[in-house]
Amino acid sequence: MLKQIKSKTQTQLIFFKMKTKNLMNFGKAAFLCLGLLASSCTNESFEEVAGTEETELIKKFFNDDVVLVKDLGDGTFLGGDIIYESRQLTDQKIGYEANPIPNEELDERLGFYRGVQKWPNNTIIYVFDSNLSNNQRQVSLNSMQEWTSKTNIKFKERTNENYYVTITNNGDNCNCASANLGVNGTRGRINMGVRTSEVVMIHEIGHTLGYIHEQTRSDRDDHVRILFENIQNGAASQFRKNENSVNIGEFDIKSTMMYGAYTFSKNGQPTIVQLDGTTHPRRRPELSAGDIAGTNQIYPAGDGDGGGDGGGDGDGNDICEGIDEWSPNIRYSVGDKVTYQGFLYERDFNGWNRLGECGDTQTADICDGIDAYSRNRSYSPGDQVTYNGYLYLLQNNRRWSNQGRCGSN
């Protein structure tokens, strides 16, 4: 009996040692896993929170490309950190025109124009919400400074402008944010987390300027591989390729619009690798050389500020001087200027904006005294309104014609 007890005790002791050893091995494994997760988190100085299961997302089309978004219930849809206006999305493909003709008129529902629009005069008009902390304000100002010190972009705190972006605190205790694409009348938002850093805010300003994510460009497969097996549930849509993306310059792995190598990782493994299998450096709170060159192409120097960018010389000369006529055989990029039927146009993300009539020196603001467009008003042919920094005239066919950009040169 004693022997049996001793044997049982020995067995228990052996089991305890084995169990302890296994626990120690598990602890080592857990430490290694935590180490991997920690390295993936520290590889990015910001947080990306999927927060939405795939089953909660609905299918829409943006420029005829599929996007999975969450309906926010206020006429906007959230896809990752991008806020889409309902007018920018469709329920089915409608035929994306990559090389539209200038002077395209818009239907009577002007406020429902589906494209992404540039900020007029290279200037983002902004409002600081009263709920922002001092730190959030400073992060915003620091991020604006990064853009203004290296590109042609300017920022102006709103006075009485009828198009602007509101920078607000979303209350989430995270280093995250979301933003609209382009200028959106009075509905534009940048929603900051409590701990939003300059890395994130510089990125969100890029969305406000109209930029999508670098890793979703149509040419991304020539430069990186997306490892969908490592992506969190609900986040795969953030890595979908946009076949109709408007690509400015070469693919830029260092762009502020590029996701990090471990963004949305569910297992500590990379979600994006370069073609040789290596990961790219963590994102920094700064613009890349490609960001700077691309932005200055889209928002050229002197665009609306009286400088010499090819549309006159800012000294009272013809605004069309030196600008070539539009050609259907040329593929134009955002920021390009052409003349067409006696008017000067500038290429936007989804169409053309009329800047003014050839022969005009634009010494005065054509929008002076003109009210902003309202969805709640009924308009008659001949009525003029301003919308997103441009003057529009309602034609007899009930379509709006762009009459030129607001502001004086």
Protein backbone atom coordinates (compact mmCIF):
# COMPACT_ATOMS: atom_id res chain seq x y z
CA MET A 1 0.00 0.00 0.00
CA LEU A 2 2.78 2.34 0.91
CA LYS A 3 4.48 1.41 -2.30
CA GLN A 4 1.34 2.12 -4.21
CA ILE A 5 0.97 5.45 -2.50
CA LYS A 6 4.60 6.22 -3.21
CA SER A 7 4.11 5.22 -6.79
CA LYS A 8 1.03 7.39 -7.02
CA THR A 9 2.91 10.26 -5.45
CA GLN A 10 5.75 9.81 -7.88
CA THR A 11 3.27 9.72 -10.71
CA GLN A 12 1.64 12.91 -9.45
CA LEU A 13 5.06 14.51 -9.09
CA ILE A 14 6.06 13.49 -12.59
CA PHE A 15 2.72 14.79 -13.91
CA PHE A 16 3.25 18.04 -12.01
CA LYS A 17 6.71 18.43 -13.48
CA MET A 18 5.41 17.67 -16.95
CA LYS A 19 2.51 20.07 -16.46
CA THR A 20 4.86 22.74 -15.14
CA LYS A 21 7.20 22.20 -18.06
CA ASN A 22 4.31 22.41 -20.50
CA LEU A 23 3.08 25.58 -18.84
CA MET A 24 6.57 27.02 -19.07
CA ASN A 25 6.73 26.06 -22.74
CA PHE A 26 3.29 27.59 -23.26
CA GLY A 27 4.52 30.67 -21.46
CA LYS A 28 7.49 30.86 -23.79
CA ALA A 29 5.20 30.40 -26.77
CA ALA A 30 2.83 33.03 -25.44
CA PHE A 31 5.75 35.39 -24.89
CA LEU A 32 6.90 34.83 -28.46
CA CYS A 33 3.38 35.47 -29.75
CA LEU A 34 3.09 38.58 -27.64
CA GLY A 35 6.49 39.63 -28.90
CA LEU A 36 5.31 39.26 -32.47
CA LEU A 37 2.16 41.19 -31.73
CA ALA A 38 4.10 43.87 -29.93
CA SER A 39 6.51 44.22 -32.81
CA SER A 40 3.61 44.50 -35.22
CA CYS A 41 2.02 47.21 -33.08
CA THR A 42 5.23 49.13 -32.61
CA ASN A 43 5.92 48.82 -36.32
CA GLU A 44 2.97 51.17 -36.73
CA SER A 45 2.64 54.29 -34.61
CA PHE A 46 -1.11 54.33 -35.06
CA GLU A 47 -4.06 52.00 -34.56
CA GLU A 48 -6.35 50.68 -37.24
CA VAL A 49 -9.57 49.32 -35.81
CA ALA A 50 -11.70 47.25 -38.17
CA GLY A 51 -14.64 47.42 -35.79
CA THR A 52 -17.10 46.03 -38.32
CA GLU A 53 -17.76 42.42 -39.25
CA GLU A 54 -18.03 41.66 -42.95
CA THR A 55 -21.70 40.77 -42.40
CA GLU A 56 -22.43 44.36 -41.33
CA LEU A 57 -20.96 45.81 -44.51
CA ILE A 58 -22.96 46.53 -47.63
CA LYS A 59 -21.77 46.45 -51.21
CA LYS A 60 -21.55 49.71 -53.14
CA PHE A 61 -19.62 50.97 -56.16
CA PHE A 62 -17.13 53.83 -56.16
CA ASN A 63 -15.98 54.80 -59.66
CA ASP A 64 -17.42 51.42 -60.72
CA ASP A 65 -15.13 49.59 -58.26
CA VAL A 66 -16.67 47.52 -55.46
CA VAL A 67 -16.37 48.96 -51.96
CA LEU A 68 -17.75 47.43 -48.76
CA VAL A 69 -19.04 50.10 -46.42
CA LYS A 70 -21.10 50.60 -43.29
CA ASP A 71 -24.21 52.78 -43.52
CA LEU A 72 -23.88 55.50 -40.87
CA GLY A 73 -27.51 56.50 -41.29
CA ASP A 74 -26.90 60.17 -42.11
CA GLY A 75 -26.30 59.91 -45.84
CA THR A 76 -22.69 58.85 -45.37
CA PHE A 77 -20.95 55.48 -45.47
CA LEU A 78 -17.78 54.42 -43.68
CA GLY A 79 -15.20 52.27 -45.43
CA GLY A 80 -12.23 51.89 -43.08
CA ASP A 81 -11.10 55.45 -42.42
CA ILE A 82 -12.78 56.90 -45.53
CA ILE A 83 -16.17 58.59 -45.26
CA TYR A 84 -18.12 58.41 -48.53
CA GLU A 85 -21.05 60.68 -49.27
CA SER A 86 -24.06 58.82 -50.68
CA ARG A 87 -23.70 60.80 -53.91
CA GLN A 88 -20.21 59.32 -54.41
CA LEU A 89 -21.51 55.74 -54.37
CA THR A 90 -23.85 53.78 -56.62
CA ASP A 91 -25.68 50.48 -56.21
CA GLN A 92 -24.38 49.13 -59.51
CA LYS A 93 -21.84 49.89 -62.20
CA ILE A 94 -22.86 52.88 -64.28
CA GLY A 95 -19.98 53.15 -66.73
CA TYR A 96 -16.89 54.97 -65.51
CA GLU A 97 -15.55 57.57 -67.95
CA ALA A 98 -11.79 57.84 -67.55
CA ASN A 99 -11.40 60.67 -70.08
CA PRO A 100 -14.52 62.88 -69.91
CA ILE A 101 -15.25 65.84 -72.17
CA PRO A 102 -15.09 69.33 -70.60
CA ASN A 103 -18.32 71.31 -70.17
CA GLU A 104 -20.32 68.33 -68.95
CA GLU A 105 -23.45 69.73 -67.33
CA LEU A 106 -24.76 68.34 -64.05
CA ASP A 107 -28.34 67.36 -63.41
CA GLU A 108 -30.70 69.48 -61.36
CA ARG A 109 -29.68 67.82 -58.11
CA LEU A 110 -26.37 69.66 -58.03
CA GLY A 111 -25.67 68.62 -54.44
CA PHE A 112 -25.72 64.98 -55.49
CA TYR A 113 -22.78 65.17 -57.93
CA ARG A 114 -21.16 61.77 -57.53
CA GLY A 115 -17.51 62.61 -58.04
CA VAL A 116 -14.60 63.58 -55.83
CA GLN A 117 -13.81 67.27 -56.12
CA LYS A 118 -10.62 69.21 -55.48
CA TRP A 119 -10.46 72.12 -53.07
CA PRO A 120 -10.61 75.38 -55.06
CA ASN A 121 -7.63 77.72 -54.94
CA ASN A 122 -5.44 75.01 -53.33
CA THR A 123 -7.02 75.95 -50.01
CA ILE A 124 -8.70 73.73 -47.41
CA ILE A 125 -11.24 75.74 -45.43
CA TYR A 126 -11.57 74.26 -41.95
CA VAL A 127 -13.47 74.65 -38.69
CA PHE A 128 -12.21 73.47 -35.31
CA ASP A 129 -15.07 71.89 -33.37
CA SER A 130 -15.37 73.14 -29.79
CA ASN A 131 -15.02 69.55 -28.52
CA LEU A 132 -11.37 69.28 -29.60
CA SER A 133 -8.72 69.10 -26.90
CA ASN A 134 -5.72 71.40 -26.97
CA ASN A 135 -3.57 68.45 -28.03
CA GLN A 136 -5.89 67.58 -30.93
CA ARG A 137 -5.77 71.18 -32.12
CA GLN A 138 -1.99 71.22 -31.94
CA VAL A 139 -1.70 67.89 -33.78
CA SER A 140 -3.98 69.32 -36.48
CA LEU A 141 -1.91 72.49 -36.82
CA ASN A 142 1.35 70.51 -36.90
CA SER A 143 -0.07 68.28 -39.64
CA MET A 144 -1.27 71.27 -41.65
CA GLN A 145 2.21 72.74 -41.38
CA GLU A 146 3.69 69.57 -42.90
CA TRP A 147 1.47 70.03 -45.96
CA THR A 148 1.89 73.80 -46.32
CA SER A 149 5.67 73.78 -45.84
CA LYS A 150 6.26 71.21 -48.59
CA THR A 151 3.37 71.56 -51.08
CA ASN A 152 1.13 74.19 -52.66
CA ILE A 153 -1.69 73.40 -50.20
CA LYS A 154 -2.93 76.18 -47.94
CA PHE A 155 -5.30 76.13 -44.97
CA LYS A 156 -7.73 78.83 -43.92
CA GLU A 157 -9.92 78.87 -40.84
CA ARG A 158 -13.50 79.48 -41.94
CA THR A 159 -15.08 82.92 -41.75
CA ASN A 160 -18.20 82.89 -43.96
CA GLU A 161 -17.31 80.30 -46.62
CA ASN A 162 -20.08 77.86 -47.58
CA TYR A 163 -17.78 74.88 -48.10
CA TYR A 164 -15.43 73.63 -45.40
CA VAL A 165 -14.31 70.62 -43.39
CA THR A 166 -15.07 70.34 -39.68
CA ILE A 167 -12.32 68.80 -37.56
CA THR A 168 -13.97 67.13 -34.60
CA ASN A 169 -13.32 64.74 -31.69
CA ASN A 170 -15.03 61.37 -32.15
CA GLY A 171 -14.45 60.50 -28.48
CA ASP A 172 -12.68 57.20 -29.18
CA ASN A 173 -9.60 56.61 -27.03
CA CYS A 174 -7.42 55.64 -29.97
CA ASN A 175 -4.74 56.88 -32.34
CA CYS A 176 -7.15 56.76 -35.27
CA ALA A 177 -9.34 58.99 -37.42
CA SER A 178 -11.60 59.09 -40.49
CA ALA A 179 -12.22 61.67 -43.20
CA ASN A 180 -14.29 62.52 -46.28
CA LEU A 181 -12.87 62.37 -49.79
CA GLY A 182 -12.43 65.83 -51.31
CA VAL A 183 -14.50 68.94 -50.69
CA ASN A 184 -18.09 68.20 -49.62
CA GLY A 185 -19.88 71.50 -49.09
CA THR A 186 -20.59 71.93 -45.38
CA ARG A 187 -20.65 68.17 -44.66
CA GLY A 188 -16.92 67.46 -44.75
CA ARG A 189 -15.46 65.89 -41.60
CA ILE A 190 -12.19 64.76 -40.11
CA ASN A 191 -13.09 62.72 -37.03
CA MET A 192 -10.12 62.51 -34.67
CA GLY A 193 -9.55 59.98 -31.92
CA VAL A 194 -8.48 61.19 -28.48
CA ARG A 195 -4.88 60.10 -29.15
CA THR A 196 -4.67 60.86 -32.88
CA SER A 197 -1.07 61.58 -33.83
CA GLU A 198 0.51 63.57 -36.65
CA VAL A 199 1.14 60.31 -38.54
CA VAL A 200 -2.59 59.69 -38.73
CA MET A 201 -3.68 63.30 -39.19
CA ILE A 202 -1.33 63.92 -42.12
CA HIS A 203 -2.85 60.80 -43.72
CA GLU A 204 -6.43 61.99 -43.12
CA ILE A 205 -5.70 65.38 -44.66
CA GLY A 206 -4.64 63.39 -47.73
CA HIS A 207 -8.14 61.89 -47.90
CA THR A 208 -9.61 65.38 -47.51
CA LEU A 209 -7.54 66.45 -50.53
CA GLY A 210 -9.18 63.61 -52.49
CA TYR A 211 -6.59 60.83 -52.22
CA ILE A 212 -7.39 57.13 -51.75
CA HIS A 213 -5.07 54.57 -50.15
CA GLU A 214 -1.86 53.80 -51.99
CA GLN A 215 -2.22 50.03 -51.49
CA THR A 216 -5.53 50.05 -53.41
CA ARG A 217 -4.12 51.64 -56.59
CA SER A 218 -4.77 49.76 -59.81
CA ASP A 219 -1.03 49.13 -60.27
CA ARG A 220 -0.31 47.92 -56.73
CA ASP A 221 0.24 44.27 -57.76
CA ASP A 222 3.33 45.39 -59.66
CA HIS A 223 4.89 46.52 -56.38
CA VAL A 224 3.41 44.71 -53.36
CA ARG A 225 1.54 41.57 -52.37
CA ILE A 226 -1.50 41.65 -50.09
CA LEU A 227 -1.62 38.74 -47.62
CA PHE A 228 -5.36 38.42 -47.07
CA GLU A 229 -4.89 35.39 -44.83
CA ASN A 230 -3.35 37.67 -42.19
CA ILE A 231 -6.00 40.42 -42.31
CA GLN A 232 -8.53 40.91 -39.51
CA ASN A 233 -12.18 40.01 -40.07
CA GLY A 234 -14.03 43.02 -41.40
CA ALA A 235 -10.90 44.71 -42.76
CA ALA A 236 -10.27 42.88 -46.04
CA SER A 237 -12.23 45.51 -47.96
CA GLN A 238 -9.51 48.04 -47.08
CA PHE A 239 -7.13 46.15 -49.35
CA ARG A 240 -9.38 45.76 -52.40
CA LYS A 241 -7.77 46.99 -55.58
CA ASN A 242 -9.44 49.94 -57.33
CA GLU A 243 -9.21 49.17 -61.03
CA ASN A 244 -10.35 52.70 -61.92
CA SER A 245 -8.12 54.58 -59.49
CA VAL A 246 -6.75 57.95 -60.57
CA ASN A 247 -3.01 57.32 -60.22
CA ILE A 248 -0.72 60.31 -59.89
CA GLY A 249 2.95 59.51 -60.37
CA GLU A 250 4.59 56.18 -59.61
CA PHE A 251 3.47 53.81 -56.87
CA ASP A 252 4.98 55.13 -53.64
CA ILE A 253 5.69 52.64 -50.85
CA LYS A 254 6.67 55.56 -48.58
CA SER A 255 3.50 57.58 -49.18
CA THR A 256 1.51 58.88 -46.23
CA MET A 257 -1.46 57.22 -47.95
CA MET A 258 0.18 53.78 -47.78
CA TYR A 259 -0.92 51.34 -45.09
CA GLY A 260 1.80 49.88 -42.90
CA ALA A 261 3.13 46.37 -43.32
CA TYR A 262 1.16 45.11 -40.30
CA THR A 263 -1.96 47.26 -40.55
CA PHE A 264 -5.08 45.22 -39.65
CA SER A 265 -2.99 42.12 -38.88
CA LYS A 266 -4.89 39.46 -36.95
CA ASN A 267 -1.92 37.27 -36.09
CA GLY A 268 1.17 39.45 -35.88
CA GLN A 269 2.13 38.58 -39.44
CA PRO A 270 2.41 41.21 -42.19
CA THR A 271 -0.61 42.09 -44.30
CA ILE A 272 1.48 43.79 -46.99
CA VAL A 273 4.90 42.74 -48.27
CA GLN A 274 7.02 43.91 -51.14
CA LEU A 275 7.50 41.57 -54.08
CA ASP A 276 10.72 40.22 -52.57
CA GLY A 277 8.86 39.30 -49.38
CA THR A 278 10.31 42.07 -47.21
CA THR A 279 8.25 44.59 -45.26
CA HIS A 280 8.45 48.33 -45.84
CA PRO A 281 9.48 50.83 -43.14
CA ARG A 282 6.94 52.16 -40.67
CA ARG A 283 5.08 55.30 -41.63
CA ARG A 284 6.52 58.56 -40.35
CA PRO A 285 4.80 61.90 -39.59
CA GLU A 286 5.95 63.38 -42.87
CA LEU A 287 5.19 63.49 -46.58
CA SER A 288 7.25 61.44 -48.98
CA ALA A 289 8.91 62.87 -52.07
CA GLY A 290 6.14 61.21 -54.10
CA ASP A 291 3.43 62.79 -51.94
CA ILE A 292 4.95 66.21 -52.50
CA ALA A 293 5.40 65.84 -56.26
CA GLY A 294 1.94 64.33 -56.75
CA THR A 295 0.19 66.98 -54.68
CA ASN A 296 1.94 69.80 -56.51
CA GLN A 297 0.81 68.25 -59.79
CA ILE A 298 -2.82 67.97 -58.67
CA TYR A 299 -2.78 71.35 -56.94
CA PRO A 300 -0.33 73.33 -59.12
CA ALA A 301 1.40 76.50 -57.94
CA GLY A 302 -0.53 79.68 -58.61
CA ASP A 303 -3.80 77.75 -58.97
CA GLY A 304 -6.26 80.46 -58.05
CA ASP A 305 -3.86 82.74 -56.19
CA GLY A 306 -2.81 84.95 -59.09
CA GLY A 307 0.50 83.19 -59.68
CA GLY A 308 1.81 82.16 -63.04
CA ASP A 309 0.87 78.56 -63.72
CA GLY A 310 0.21 78.80 -67.45
CA GLY A 311 -3.27 80.30 -67.21
CA GLY A 312 -2.29 83.92 -67.75
CA ASP A 313 0.49 85.53 -65.77
CA GLY A 314 -1.48 87.01 -62.90
CA ASP A 315 -0.96 90.52 -64.29
CA GLY A 316 -4.25 90.96 -66.12
CA ASN A 317 -3.50 88.82 -69.18
CA ASP A 318 -5.82 86.29 -70.81
CA ILE A 319 -6.35 83.31 -68.47
CA CYS A 320 -6.17 80.95 -71.47
CA GLU A 321 -2.80 82.20 -72.65
CA GLY A 322 -0.43 79.30 -73.30
CA ILE A 323 -3.09 76.62 -72.68
CA ASP A 324 -3.71 73.97 -75.37
CA GLU A 325 -7.14 72.97 -76.66
CA TRP A 326 -8.66 69.79 -75.25
CA SER A 327 -8.02 66.67 -77.34
CA PRO A 328 -9.90 63.35 -77.15
CA ASN A 329 -6.62 61.58 -77.93
CA ILE A 330 -4.86 62.71 -74.75
CA ARG A 331 -5.29 61.08 -71.34
CA TYR A 332 -5.30 63.96 -68.88
CA SER A 333 -4.25 63.94 -65.23
CA VAL A 334 -5.77 65.76 -62.28
CA GLY A 335 -4.54 69.36 -62.32
CA ASP A 336 -4.11 69.59 -66.11
CA LYS A 337 -5.63 72.63 -67.84
CA VAL A 338 -7.20 72.84 -71.30
CA THR A 339 -9.29 75.26 -73.30
CA TYR A 340 -12.59 74.07 -74.74
CA GLN A 341 -15.21 76.05 -76.66
CA GLY A 342 -13.77 79.35 -75.46
CA PHE A 343 -13.37 78.47 -71.79
CA LEU A 344 -10.52 77.42 -69.51
CA TYR A 345 -10.96 74.10 -67.68
CA GLU A 346 -8.99 72.22 -65.05
CA ARG A 347 -9.10 68.43 -64.67
CA ASP A 348 -10.57 67.18 -61.41
CA PHE A 349 -10.68 63.61 -60.06
CA ASN A 350 -13.92 62.77 -61.89
CA GLY A 351 -14.37 65.51 -64.46
CA TRP A 352 -13.48 69.07 -65.41
CA ASN A 353 -14.02 72.36 -63.58
CA ARG A 354 -14.53 75.51 -65.60
CA LEU A 355 -12.18 78.23 -64.36
CA GLY A 356 -13.37 81.07 -66.57
CA GLU A 357 -13.89 82.41 -70.06
CA CYS A 358 -10.94 82.92 -72.38
CA GLY A 359 -10.10 86.61 -72.75
CA ASP A 360 -11.13 87.18 -69.14
CA THR A 361 -8.56 88.42 -66.64
CA GLN A 362 -10.71 87.42 -63.64
CA THR A 363 -9.87 90.45 -61.57
CA ALA A 364 -13.12 90.19 -59.57
CA ASP A 365 -14.87 87.39 -57.74
CA ILE A 366 -17.69 86.12 -59.98
CA CYS A 367 -19.44 84.62 -56.94
CA ASP A 368 -19.91 87.88 -55.06
CA GLY A 369 -23.53 88.18 -53.91
CA ILE A 370 -24.49 84.66 -55.06
CA ASP A 371 -26.07 82.34 -52.50
CA ALA A 372 -24.89 78.80 -51.89
CA TYR A 373 -26.83 75.90 -53.39
CA SER A 374 -29.46 74.38 -51.09
CA ARG A 375 -31.05 70.97 -51.51
CA ASN A 376 -34.20 72.34 -49.89
CA ARG A 377 -34.84 75.07 -52.46
CA SER A 378 -36.55 74.93 -55.84
CA TYR A 379 -34.64 76.64 -58.66
CA SER A 380 -35.70 78.05 -62.02
CA PRO A 381 -33.71 78.34 -65.26
CA GLY A 382 -31.39 81.33 -65.06
CA ASP A 383 -30.77 80.97 -61.32
CA GLN A 384 -27.17 81.05 -60.16
CA VAL A 385 -25.70 79.36 -57.10
CA THR A 386 -22.30 78.63 -55.64
CA TYR A 387 -21.31 75.07 -54.81
CA ASN A 388 -17.98 73.77 -53.51
CA GLY A 389 -16.24 76.95 -54.60
CA TYR A 390 -17.70 77.26 -58.11
CA LEU A 391 -20.47 79.30 -59.75
CA TYR A 392 -23.28 77.36 -61.45
CA LEU A 393 -26.10 78.48 -63.74
CA LEU A 394 -29.32 76.46 -64.16
CA GLN A 395 -30.02 75.96 -67.88
CA ASN A 396 -33.41 75.65 -69.60
CA ASN A 397 -32.86 71.89 -69.76
CA ARG A 398 -32.79 71.86 -65.93
CA ARG A 399 -29.09 71.05 -65.83
CA TRP A 400 -26.44 73.08 -64.05
CA SER A 401 -23.58 74.58 -66.04
CA ASN A 402 -20.28 75.41 -64.34
CA GLN A 403 -19.59 79.12 -64.90
CA GLY A 404 -16.20 79.33 -63.25
CA ARG A 405 -14.31 79.24 -60.01
CA CYS A 406 -15.10 81.59 -57.15
CA GLY A 407 -12.41 83.94 -55.93
CA SER A 408 -10.46 86.73 -57.55
CA ASN A 409 -7.06 86.35 -59.16
